[in-house]
């Protein structure tokens, strides 16, 4: 079977399934993205802390970043995992607890 025919067959099967392509067209509110926006936002502060301030022992930079880290910690603790990551909820809870422990 040539690739064009294969693609056509796959598309035909998807359209024929119950719900068909309507599932792909629905807005799932981010439930299908394996991403936690609060964690991604926190990375903007953690990156310079870990890759610049810490190796260079730049304590002034660490002091300046601390309030931002604390702000992001609060956001991360309040974040919910999207549906696609719910099977990792126990591990997430452990990580959040460890984060809270080291930031208090």
PDB file of N, CA and C in Angstrom:
ATOM      1  N   UNK A   1       0.855  -1.174   0.000  1.00  0.00           N
ATOM      2  CA  UNK A   1       0.000   0.000   0.000  1.00  0.00           C
ATOM      3  C   UNK A   1       0.898   1.234   0.000  1.00  0.00           C
ATOM      4  N   UNK A   2       0.593   2.142  -0.875  1.00  0.00           N
ATOM      5  CA  UNK A   2       1.386   3.365  -0.954  1.00  0.00           C
ATOM      6  C   UNK A   2       1.027   4.290   0.200  1.00  0.00           C
ATOM      7  N   UNK A   3       1.915   5.217   0.499  1.00  0.00           N
ATOM      8  CA  UNK A   3       1.717   6.091   1.650  1.00  0.00           C
ATOM      9  C   UNK A   3       0.465   6.944   1.525  1.00  0.00           C
ATOM     10  N   UNK A   4       0.131   7.412   0.322  1.00  0.00           N
ATOM     11  CA  UNK A   4      -1.068   8.213   0.143  1.00  0.00           C
ATOM     12  C   UNK A   4      -2.323   7.400   0.467  1.00  0.00           C
ATOM     13  N   UNK A   5      -2.320   6.158   0.020  1.00  0.00           N
ATOM     14  CA  UNK A   5      -3.462   5.283   0.300  1.00  0.00           C
ATOM     15  C   UNK A   5      -3.560   4.989   1.787  1.00  0.00           C
ATOM     16  N   UNK A   6      -2.426   4.801   2.441  1.00  0.00           N
ATOM     17  CA  UNK A   6      -2.399   4.536   3.869  1.00  0.00           C
ATOM     18  C   UNK A   6      -2.961   5.718   4.649  1.00  0.00           C
ATOM     19  N   UNK A   7      -2.540   6.922   4.298  1.00  0.00           N
ATOM     20  CA  UNK A   7      -3.038   8.119   4.970  1.00  0.00           C
ATOM     21  C   UNK A   7      -4.542   8.238   4.780  1.00  0.00           C
ATOM     22  N   UNK A   8      -5.022   7.982   3.555  1.00  0.00           N
ATOM     23  CA  UNK A   8      -6.461   8.048   3.288  1.00  0.00           C
ATOM     24  C   UNK A   8      -7.207   7.034   4.150  1.00  0.00           C
ATOM     25  N   UNK A   9      -6.694   5.814   4.252  1.00  0.00           N
ATOM     26  CA  UNK A   9      -7.357   4.776   5.052  1.00  0.00           C
ATOM     27  C   UNK A   9      -7.411   5.160   6.529  1.00  0.00           C
ATOM     28  N   UNK A  10      -6.318   5.687   7.053  1.00  0.00           N
ATOM     29  CA  UNK A  10      -6.281   6.097   8.459  1.00  0.00           C
ATOM     30  C   UNK A  10      -7.300   7.195   8.703  1.00  0.00           C
ATOM     31  N   UNK A  11      -7.357   8.180   7.815  1.00  0.00           N
ATOM     32  CA  UNK A  11      -8.329   9.272   7.965  1.00  0.00           C
ATOM     33  C   UNK A  11      -9.759   8.743   7.878  1.00  0.00           C
ATOM     34  N   UNK A  12     -10.013   7.812   6.963  1.00  0.00           N
ATOM     35  CA  UNK A  12     -11.353   7.247   6.816  1.00  0.00           C
ATOM     36  C   UNK A  12     -11.771   6.505   8.088  1.00  0.00           C
ATOM     37  N   UNK A  13     -10.838   5.779   8.685  1.00  0.00           N
ATOM     38  CA  UNK A  13     -11.137   5.055   9.925  1.00  0.00           C
ATOM     39  C   UNK A  13     -11.428   6.038  11.044  1.00  0.00           C
ATOM     40  N   UNK A  14     -10.651   7.093  11.157  1.00  0.00           N
ATOM     41  CA  UNK A  14     -10.868   8.091  12.203  1.00  0.00           C
ATOM     42  C   UNK A  14     -12.232   8.756  12.069  1.00  0.00           C
ATOM     43  N   UNK A  15     -12.625   9.058  10.853  1.00  0.00           N
ATOM     44  CA  UNK A  15     -13.916   9.708  10.638  1.00  0.00           C
ATOM     45  C   UNK A  15     -15.048   8.732  10.930  1.00  0.00           C
ATOM     46  N   UNK A  16     -14.834   7.456  10.660  1.00  0.00           N
ATOM     47  CA  UNK A  16     -15.882   6.459  10.845  1.00  0.00           C
ATOM     48  C   UNK A  16     -16.083   6.052  12.301  1.00  0.00           C
ATOM     49  N   UNK A  17     -15.103   6.293  13.141  1.00  0.00           N
ATOM     50  CA  UNK A  17     -15.228   5.917  14.550  1.00  0.00           C
ATOM     51  C   UNK A  17     -16.351   6.702  15.216  1.00  0.00           C
ATOM     52  N   UNK A  18     -16.989   6.119  16.268  1.00  0.00           N
ATOM     53  CA  UNK A  18     -18.019   6.875  16.987  1.00  0.00           C
ATOM     54  C   UNK A  18     -17.423   8.186  17.506  1.00  0.00           C
ATOM     55  N   UNK A  19     -18.049   9.267  17.170  1.00  0.00           N
ATOM     56  CA  UNK A  19     -17.514  10.572  17.556  1.00  0.00           C
ATOM     57  C   UNK A  19     -16.582  11.123  16.493  1.00  0.00           C
ATOM     58  N   UNK A  20     -16.025  10.251  15.701  1.00  0.00           N
ATOM     59  CA  UNK A  20     -15.164  10.618  14.592  1.00  0.00           C
ATOM     60  C   UNK A  20     -14.172  11.716  14.911  1.00  0.00           C
ATOM     61  N   UNK A  21     -14.031  12.609  13.974  1.00  0.00           N
ATOM     62  CA  UNK A  21     -13.079  13.701  14.126  1.00  0.00           C
ATOM     63  C   UNK A  21     -13.599  14.774  15.077  1.00  0.00           C
ATOM     64  N   UNK A  22     -14.846  14.645  15.510  1.00  0.00           N
ATOM     65  CA  UNK A  22     -15.408  15.638  16.435  1.00  0.00           C
ATOM     66  C   UNK A  22     -14.576  15.710  17.707  1.00  0.00           C
ATOM     67  N   UNK A  23     -13.997  14.579  18.141  1.00  0.00           N
ATOM     68  CA  UNK A  23     -13.165  14.569  19.345  1.00  0.00           C
ATOM     69  C   UNK A  23     -11.974  15.492  19.169  1.00  0.00           C
ATOM     70  N   UNK A  24     -11.340  15.426  18.011  1.00  0.00           N
ATOM     71  CA  UNK A  24     -10.160  16.254  17.757  1.00  0.00           C
ATOM     72  C   UNK A  24     -10.517  17.725  17.680  1.00  0.00           C
ATOM     73  N   UNK A  25     -11.746  18.028  17.277  1.00  0.00           N
ATOM     74  CA  UNK A  25     -12.162  19.417  17.125  1.00  0.00           C
ATOM     75  C   UNK A  25     -12.628  20.038  18.434  1.00  0.00           C
ATOM     76  N   UNK A  26     -12.899  19.229  19.455  1.00  0.00           N
ATOM     77  CA  UNK A  26     -13.392  19.748  20.722  1.00  0.00           C
ATOM     78  C   UNK A  26     -12.275  20.448  21.486  1.00  0.00           C
ATOM     79  N   UNK A  27     -12.668  21.426  22.283  1.00  0.00           N
ATOM     80  CA  UNK A  27     -11.720  22.092  23.181  1.00  0.00           C
ATOM     81  C   UNK A  27     -11.709  21.315  24.488  1.00  0.00           C
ATOM     82  N   UNK A  28     -10.590  20.761  24.830  1.00  0.00           N
ATOM     83  CA  UNK A  28     -10.479  19.943  26.038  1.00  0.00           C
ATOM     84  C   UNK A  28      -9.875  20.715  27.195  1.00  0.00           C
ATOM     85  N   UNK A  29      -9.817  22.030  27.068  1.00  0.00           N
ATOM     86  CA  UNK A  29      -9.367  22.887  28.158  1.00  0.00           C
ATOM     87  C   UNK A  29      -7.977  22.560  28.682  1.00  0.00           C
ATOM     88  N   UNK A  30      -7.085  22.120  27.832  1.00  0.00           N
ATOM     89  CA  UNK A  30      -5.725  21.829  28.271  1.00  0.00           C
ATOM     90  C   UNK A  30      -5.563  20.484  28.957  1.00  0.00           C
ATOM     91  N   UNK A  31      -6.635  19.692  29.017  1.00  0.00           N
ATOM     92  CA  UNK A  31      -6.571  18.405  29.701  1.00  0.00           C
ATOM     93  C   UNK A  31      -5.712  17.389  28.960  1.00  0.00           C
ATOM     94  N   UNK A  32      -5.423  17.634  27.698  1.00  0.00           N
ATOM     95  CA  UNK A  32      -4.627  16.688  26.917  1.00  0.00           C
ATOM     96  C   UNK A  32      -3.177  17.126  26.753  1.00  0.00           C
ATOM     97  N   UNK A  33      -2.809  18.235  27.374  1.00  0.00           N
ATOM     98  CA  UNK A  33      -1.416  18.697  27.325  1.00  0.00           C
ATOM     99  C   UNK A  33      -0.713  18.280  28.607  1.00  0.00           C
ATOM    100  N   UNK A  34       0.426  17.633  28.446  1.00  0.00           N
ATOM    101  CA  UNK A  34       1.215  17.196  29.602  1.00  0.00           C
ATOM    102  C   UNK A  34       2.073  18.360  30.076  1.00  0.00           C
ATOM    103  N   UNK A  35       1.411  19.404  30.570  1.00  0.00           N
ATOM    104  CA  UNK A  35       2.118  20.617  30.965  1.00  0.00           C
ATOM    105  C   UNK A  35       1.412  21.260  32.159  1.00  0.00           C
ATOM    106  N   UNK A  36       2.214  21.753  33.083  1.00  0.00           N
ATOM    107  CA  UNK A  36       1.689  22.507  34.225  1.00  0.00           C
ATOM    108  C   UNK A  36       2.237  23.927  34.078  1.00  0.00           C
ATOM    109  N   UNK A  37       1.387  24.880  33.660  1.00  0.00           N
ATOM    110  CA  UNK A  37       1.866  26.241  33.395  1.00  0.00           C
ATOM    111  C   UNK A  37       2.608  26.875  34.577  1.00  0.00           C
ATOM    112  N   UNK A  38       2.174  26.623  35.793  1.00  0.00           N
ATOM    113  CA  UNK A  38       2.848  27.208  36.967  1.00  0.00           C
ATOM    114  C   UNK A  38       4.277  26.685  37.088  1.00  0.00           C
ATOM    115  N   UNK A  39       4.483  25.434  36.744  1.00  0.00           N
ATOM    116  CA  UNK A  39       5.822  24.852  36.806  1.00  0.00           C
ATOM    117  C   UNK A  39       6.710  25.438  35.711  1.00  0.00           C
ATOM    118  N   UNK A  40       6.141  25.623  34.527  1.00  0.00           N
ATOM    119  CA  UNK A  40       6.896  26.229  33.428  1.00  0.00           C
ATOM    120  C   UNK A  40       7.287  27.667  33.785  1.00  0.00           C
ATOM    121  N   UNK A  41       6.373  28.401  34.408  1.00  0.00           N
ATOM    122  CA  UNK A  41       6.662  29.780  34.814  1.00  0.00           C
ATOM    123  C   UNK A  41       7.762  29.815  35.868  1.00  0.00           C
ATOM    124  N   UNK A  42       7.748  28.857  36.772  1.00  0.00           N
ATOM    125  CA  UNK A  42       8.764  28.809  37.826  1.00  0.00           C
ATOM    126  C   UNK A  42      10.156  28.586  37.236  1.00  0.00           C
ATOM    127  N   UNK A  43      10.211  27.903  36.122  1.00  0.00           N
ATOM    128  CA  UNK A  43      11.491  27.615  35.482  1.00  0.00           C
ATOM    129  C   UNK A  43      12.228  28.890  35.100  1.00  0.00           C
ATOM    130  N   UNK A  44      11.504  29.967  34.800  1.00  0.00           N
ATOM    131  CA  UNK A  44      12.158  31.221  34.425  1.00  0.00           C
ATOM    132  C   UNK A  44      12.992  31.796  35.569  1.00  0.00           C
ATOM    133  N   UNK A  45      12.648  31.430  36.808  1.00  0.00           N
ATOM    134  CA  UNK A  45      13.417  31.885  37.967  1.00  0.00           C
ATOM    135  C   UNK A  45      14.453  30.838  38.370  1.00  0.00           C
ATOM    136  N   UNK A  46      14.072  29.588  38.302  1.00  0.00           N
ATOM    137  CA  UNK A  46      14.973  28.506  38.712  1.00  0.00           C
ATOM    138  C   UNK A  46      16.191  28.420  37.788  1.00  0.00           C
ATOM    139  N   UNK A  47      15.986  28.655  36.504  1.00  0.00           N
ATOM    140  CA  UNK A  47      17.098  28.536  35.556  1.00  0.00           C
ATOM    141  C   UNK A  47      18.278  29.443  35.923  1.00  0.00           C
ATOM    142  N   UNK A  48      18.068  30.762  36.089  1.00  0.00           N
ATOM    143  CA  UNK A  48      19.229  31.594  36.456  1.00  0.00           C
ATOM    144  C   UNK A  48      19.764  31.276  37.854  1.00  0.00           C
ATOM    145  N   UNK A  49      18.884  30.850  38.741  1.00  0.00           N
ATOM    146  CA  UNK A  49      19.331  30.477  40.082  1.00  0.00           C
ATOM    147  C   UNK A  49      20.278  29.283  40.011  1.00  0.00           C
ATOM    148  N   UNK A  50      19.886  28.277  39.275  1.00  0.00           N
ATOM    149  CA  UNK A  50      20.654  27.033  39.215  1.00  0.00           C
ATOM    150  C   UNK A  50      21.883  27.134  38.324  1.00  0.00           C
ATOM    151  N   UNK A  51      21.749  27.835  37.190  1.00  0.00           N
ATOM    152  CA  UNK A  51      22.833  27.853  36.206  1.00  0.00           C
ATOM    153  C   UNK A  51      23.778  29.043  36.329  1.00  0.00           C
ATOM    154  N   UNK A  52      23.396  30.055  37.085  1.00  0.00           N
ATOM    155  CA  UNK A  52      24.272  31.217  37.216  1.00  0.00           C
ATOM    156  C   UNK A  52      24.586  31.534  38.682  1.00  0.00           C
ATOM    157  N   UNK A  53      23.553  31.834  39.457  1.00  0.00           N
ATOM    158  CA  UNK A  53      23.783  32.268  40.843  1.00  0.00           C
ATOM    159  C   UNK A  53      24.459  31.185  41.678  1.00  0.00           C
ATOM    160  N   UNK A  54      23.961  29.972  41.632  1.00  0.00           N
ATOM    161  CA  UNK A  54      24.517  28.898  42.460  1.00  0.00           C
ATOM    162  C   UNK A  54      25.962  28.555  42.090  1.00  0.00           C
ATOM    163  N   UNK A  55      26.273  28.275  40.808  1.00  0.00           N
ATOM    164  CA  UNK A  55      27.663  27.918  40.486  1.00  0.00           C
ATOM    165  C   UNK A  55      28.652  29.037  40.764  1.00  0.00           C
ATOM    166  N   UNK A  56      28.209  30.291  40.590  1.00  0.00           N
ATOM    167  CA  UNK A  56      29.112  31.417  40.807  1.00  0.00           C
ATOM    168  C   UNK A  56      29.085  31.911  42.254  1.00  0.00           C
ATOM    169  N   UNK A  57      28.279  31.245  43.096  1.00  0.00           N
ATOM    170  CA  UNK A  57      28.125  31.638  44.505  1.00  0.00           C
ATOM    171  C   UNK A  57      27.754  33.123  44.612  1.00  0.00           C
ATOM    172  N   UNK A  58      26.871  33.543  43.701  1.00  0.00           N
ATOM    173  CA  UNK A  58      26.412  34.929  43.653  1.00  0.00           C
ATOM    174  C   UNK A  58      25.249  35.089  44.642  1.00  0.00           C
ATOM    175  N   UNK A  59      25.593  35.364  45.893  1.00  0.00           N
ATOM    176  CA  UNK A  59      24.587  35.431  46.953  1.00  0.00           C
ATOM    177  C   UNK A  59      23.644  36.621  46.782  1.00  0.00           C
ATOM    178  N   UNK A  60      24.120  37.685  46.188  1.00  0.00           N
ATOM    179  CA  UNK A  60      23.255  38.841  45.933  1.00  0.00           C
ATOM    180  C   UNK A  60      22.144  38.467  44.949  1.00  0.00           C
ATOM    181  N   UNK A  61      22.514  37.747  43.904  1.00  0.00           N
ATOM    182  CA  UNK A  61      21.513  37.302  42.935  1.00  0.00           C
ATOM    183  C   UNK A  61      20.530  36.341  43.596  1.00  0.00           C
ATOM    184  N   UNK A  62      21.031  35.461  44.434  1.00  0.00           N
ATOM    185  CA  UNK A  62      20.154  34.521  45.145  1.00  0.00           C
ATOM    186  C   UNK A  62      19.139  35.276  45.996  1.00  0.00           C
ATOM    187  N   UNK A  63      19.610  36.326  46.680  1.00  0.00           N
ATOM    188  CA  UNK A  63      18.705  37.130  47.511  1.00  0.00           C
ATOM    189  C   UNK A  63      17.632  37.805  46.658  1.00  0.00           C
ATOM    190  N   UNK A  64      18.047  38.312  45.497  1.00  0.00           N
ATOM    191  CA  UNK A  64      17.084  38.977  44.613  1.00  0.00           C
ATOM    192  C   UNK A  64      16.056  37.994  44.053  1.00  0.00           C
ATOM    193  N   UNK A  65      16.469  36.761  43.806  1.00  0.00           N
ATOM    194  CA  UNK A  65      15.573  35.760  43.217  1.00  0.00           C
ATOM    195  C   UNK A  65      14.644  35.117  44.242  1.00  0.00           C
ATOM    196  N   UNK A  66      15.017  35.166  45.514  1.00  0.00           N
ATOM    197  CA  UNK A  66      14.237  34.478  46.549  1.00  0.00           C
ATOM    198  C   UNK A  66      12.754  34.856  46.566  1.00  0.00           C
ATOM    199  N   UNK A  67      12.388  36.142  46.537  1.00  0.00           N
ATOM    200  CA  UNK A  67      10.956  36.470  46.543  1.00  0.00           C
ATOM    201  C   UNK A  67      10.212  35.908  45.328  1.00  0.00           C
ATOM    202  N   UNK A  68      10.888  35.897  44.177  1.00  0.00           N
ATOM    203  CA  UNK A  68      10.264  35.341  42.973  1.00  0.00           C
ATOM    204  C   UNK A  68      10.080  33.831  43.113  1.00  0.00           C
ATOM    205  N   UNK A  69      11.065  33.169  43.685  1.00  0.00           N
ATOM    206  CA  UNK A  69      10.955  31.725  43.916  1.00  0.00           C
ATOM    207  C   UNK A  69       9.765  31.446  44.828  1.00  0.00           C
ATOM    208  N   UNK A  70       9.652  32.195  45.918  1.00  0.00           N
ATOM    209  CA  UNK A  70       8.555  31.990  46.860  1.00  0.00           C
ATOM    210  C   UNK A  70       7.197  32.216  46.205  1.00  0.00           C
ATOM    211  N   UNK A  71       7.118  33.205  45.343  1.00  0.00           N
ATOM    212  CA  UNK A  71       5.872  33.478  44.628  1.00  0.00           C
ATOM    213  C   UNK A  71       5.493  32.288  43.746  1.00  0.00           C
ATOM    214  N   UNK A  72       6.484  31.762  43.043  1.00  0.00           N
ATOM    215  CA  UNK A  72       6.226  30.623  42.163  1.00  0.00           C
ATOM    216  C   UNK A  72       5.920  29.348  42.955  1.00  0.00           C
ATOM    217  N   UNK A  73       6.537  29.189  44.104  1.00  0.00           N
ATOM    218  CA  UNK A  73       6.247  28.023  44.939  1.00  0.00           C
ATOM    219  C   UNK A  73       4.766  28.022  45.297  1.00  0.00           C
ATOM    220  N   UNK A  74       4.242  29.174  45.657  1.00  0.00           N
ATOM    221  CA  UNK A  74       2.818  29.280  45.984  1.00  0.00           C
ATOM    222  C   UNK A  74       1.961  28.870  44.783  1.00  0.00           C
ATOM    223  N   UNK A  75       2.315  29.358  43.603  1.00  0.00           N
ATOM    224  CA  UNK A  75       1.557  29.021  42.396  1.00  0.00           C
ATOM    225  C   UNK A  75       1.622  27.521  42.098  1.00  0.00           C
ATOM    226  N   UNK A  76       2.788  26.924  42.265  1.00  0.00           N
ATOM    227  CA  UNK A  76       2.945  25.493  41.991  1.00  0.00           C
ATOM    228  C   UNK A  76       2.127  24.666  42.980  1.00  0.00           C
ATOM    229  N   UNK A  77       2.115  25.073  44.251  1.00  0.00           N
ATOM    230  CA  UNK A  77       1.353  24.294  45.242  1.00  0.00           C
ATOM    231  C   UNK A  77      -0.150  24.358  44.973  1.00  0.00           C
ATOM    232  N   UNK A  78      -0.603  25.431  44.326  1.00  0.00           N
ATOM    233  CA  UNK A  78      -2.025  25.567  44.021  1.00  0.00           C
ATOM    234  C   UNK A  78      -2.390  24.994  42.652  1.00  0.00           C
ATOM    235  N   UNK A  79      -1.395  24.621  41.856  1.00  0.00           N
ATOM    236  CA  UNK A  79      -1.645  24.121  40.501  1.00  0.00           C
ATOM    237  C   UNK A  79      -2.255  22.729  40.527  1.00  0.00           C
ATOM    238  N   UNK A  80      -3.095  22.485  39.545  1.00  0.00           N
ATOM    239  CA  UNK A  80      -3.676  21.155  39.368  1.00  0.00           C
ATOM    240  C   UNK A  80      -3.075  20.519  38.136  1.00  0.00           C
ATOM    241  N   UNK A  81      -2.881  19.219  38.205  1.00  0.00           N
ATOM    242  CA  UNK A  81      -2.368  18.506  37.043  1.00  0.00           C
ATOM    243  C   UNK A  81      -3.475  18.375  36.003  1.00  0.00           C
ATOM    244  N   UNK A  82      -3.121  18.483  34.714  1.00  0.00           N
ATOM    245  CA  UNK A  82      -4.130  18.259  33.688  1.00  0.00           C
ATOM    246  C   UNK A  82      -4.510  16.780  33.666  1.00  0.00           C
ATOM    247  N   UNK A  83      -5.662  16.489  33.093  1.00  0.00           N
ATOM    248  CA  UNK A  83      -6.187  15.122  33.073  1.00  0.00           C
ATOM    249  C   UNK A  83      -5.206  14.080  32.597  1.00  0.00           C
ATOM    250  N   UNK A  84      -4.403  14.420  31.608  1.00  0.00           N
ATOM    251  CA  UNK A  84      -3.470  13.452  31.038  1.00  0.00           C
ATOM    252  C   UNK A  84      -2.359  13.064  32.023  1.00  0.00           C
ATOM    253  N   UNK A  85      -2.149  13.880  33.054  1.00  0.00           N
ATOM    254  CA  UNK A  85      -1.101  13.593  34.044  1.00  0.00           C
ATOM    255  C   UNK A  85      -1.652  13.122  35.387  1.00  0.00           C
ATOM    256  N   UNK A  86      -2.940  12.913  35.492  1.00  0.00           N
ATOM    257  CA  UNK A  86      -3.539  12.558  36.780  1.00  0.00           C
ATOM    258  C   UNK A  86      -2.985  11.259  37.367  1.00  0.00           C
ATOM    259  N   UNK A  87      -2.492  10.364  36.526  1.00  0.00           N
ATOM    260  CA  UNK A  87      -1.909   9.124  37.037  1.00  0.00           C
ATOM    261  C   UNK A  87      -0.604   9.388  37.796  1.00  0.00           C
ATOM    262  N   UNK A  88      -0.076  10.583  37.674  1.00  0.00           N
ATOM    263  CA  UNK A  88       1.160  10.953  38.363  1.00  0.00           C
ATOM    264  C   UNK A  88       0.885  11.830  39.586  1.00  0.00           C
ATOM    265  N   UNK A  89      -0.378  11.900  40.014  1.00  0.00           N
ATOM    266  CA  UNK A  89      -0.784  12.781  41.104  1.00  0.00           C
ATOM    267  C   UNK A  89      -0.030  12.495  42.398  1.00  0.00           C
ATOM    268  N   UNK A  90       0.151  11.222  42.766  1.00  0.00           N
ATOM    269  CA  UNK A  90       0.842  10.883  44.015  1.00  0.00           C
ATOM    270  C   UNK A  90       2.285  11.388  43.981  1.00  0.00           C
ATOM    271  N   UNK A  91       2.964  11.184  42.879  1.00  0.00           N
ATOM    272  CA  UNK A  91       4.350  11.635  42.743  1.00  0.00           C
ATOM    273  C   UNK A  91       4.412  13.173  42.759  1.00  0.00           C
ATOM    274  N   UNK A  92       3.447  13.824  42.118  1.00  0.00           N
ATOM    275  CA  UNK A  92       3.361  15.291  42.129  1.00  0.00           C
ATOM    276  C   UNK A  92       3.207  15.798  43.552  1.00  0.00           C
ATOM    277  N   UNK A  93       2.300  15.171  44.316  1.00  0.00           N
ATOM    278  CA  UNK A  93       2.059  15.578  45.698  1.00  0.00           C
ATOM    279  C   UNK A  93       3.325  15.433  46.549  1.00  0.00           C
ATOM    280  N   UNK A  94       4.073  14.350  46.319  1.00  0.00           N
ATOM    281  CA  UNK A  94       5.339  14.152  47.036  1.00  0.00           C
ATOM    282  C   UNK A  94       6.327  15.268  46.699  1.00  0.00           C
ATOM    283  N   UNK A  95       6.419  15.608  45.423  1.00  0.00           N
ATOM    284  CA  UNK A  95       7.335  16.663  44.994  1.00  0.00           C
ATOM    285  C   UNK A  95       6.951  18.023  45.556  1.00  0.00           C
ATOM    286  N   UNK A  96       5.655  18.319  45.572  1.00  0.00           N
ATOM    287  CA  UNK A  96       5.188  19.590  46.126  1.00  0.00           C
ATOM    288  C   UNK A  96       5.482  19.645  47.620  1.00  0.00           C
ATOM    289  N   UNK A  97       5.272  18.523  48.322  1.00  0.00           N
ATOM    290  CA  UNK A  97       5.565  18.482  49.763  1.00  0.00           C
ATOM    291  C   UNK A  97       7.059  18.716  50.018  1.00  0.00           C
ATOM    292  N   UNK A  98       7.906  18.115  49.206  1.00  0.00           N
ATOM    293  CA  UNK A  98       9.350  18.309  49.345  1.00  0.00           C
ATOM    294  C   UNK A  98       9.736  19.755  49.042  1.00  0.00           C
ATOM    295  N   UNK A  99       9.101  20.343  48.028  1.00  0.00           N
ATOM    296  CA  UNK A  99       9.364  21.740  47.695  1.00  0.00           C
ATOM    297  C   UNK A  99       8.977  22.657  48.854  1.00  0.00           C
ATOM    298  N   UNK A 100       7.833  22.404  49.442  1.00  0.00           N
ATOM    299  CA  UNK A 100       7.397  23.217  50.585  1.00  0.00           C
ATOM    300  C   UNK A 100       8.338  23.069  51.765  1.00  0.00           C
ATOM    301  N   UNK A 101       8.839  21.855  51.959  1.00  0.00           N
ATOM    302  CA  UNK A 101       9.746  21.590  53.078  1.00  0.00           C
ATOM    303  C   UNK A 101      11.050  22.396  52.955  1.00  0.00           C
ATOM    304  N   UNK A 102      11.596  22.473  51.760  1.00  0.00           N
ATOM    305  CA  UNK A 102      12.878  23.161  51.582  1.00  0.00           C
ATOM    306  C   UNK A 102      12.731  24.666  51.423  1.00  0.00           C
ATOM    307  N   UNK A 103      11.522  25.155  51.173  1.00  0.00           N
ATOM    308  CA  UNK A 103      11.348  26.589  50.972  1.00  0.00           C
ATOM    309  C   UNK A 103      10.787  27.297  52.196  1.00  0.00           C
ATOM    310  N   UNK A 104      10.569  26.566  53.270  1.00  0.00           N
ATOM    311  CA  UNK A 104      10.052  27.225  54.507  1.00  0.00           C
ATOM    312  C   UNK A 104      11.184  27.581  55.417  1.00  0.00           C
TER     313      UNK A 104
END
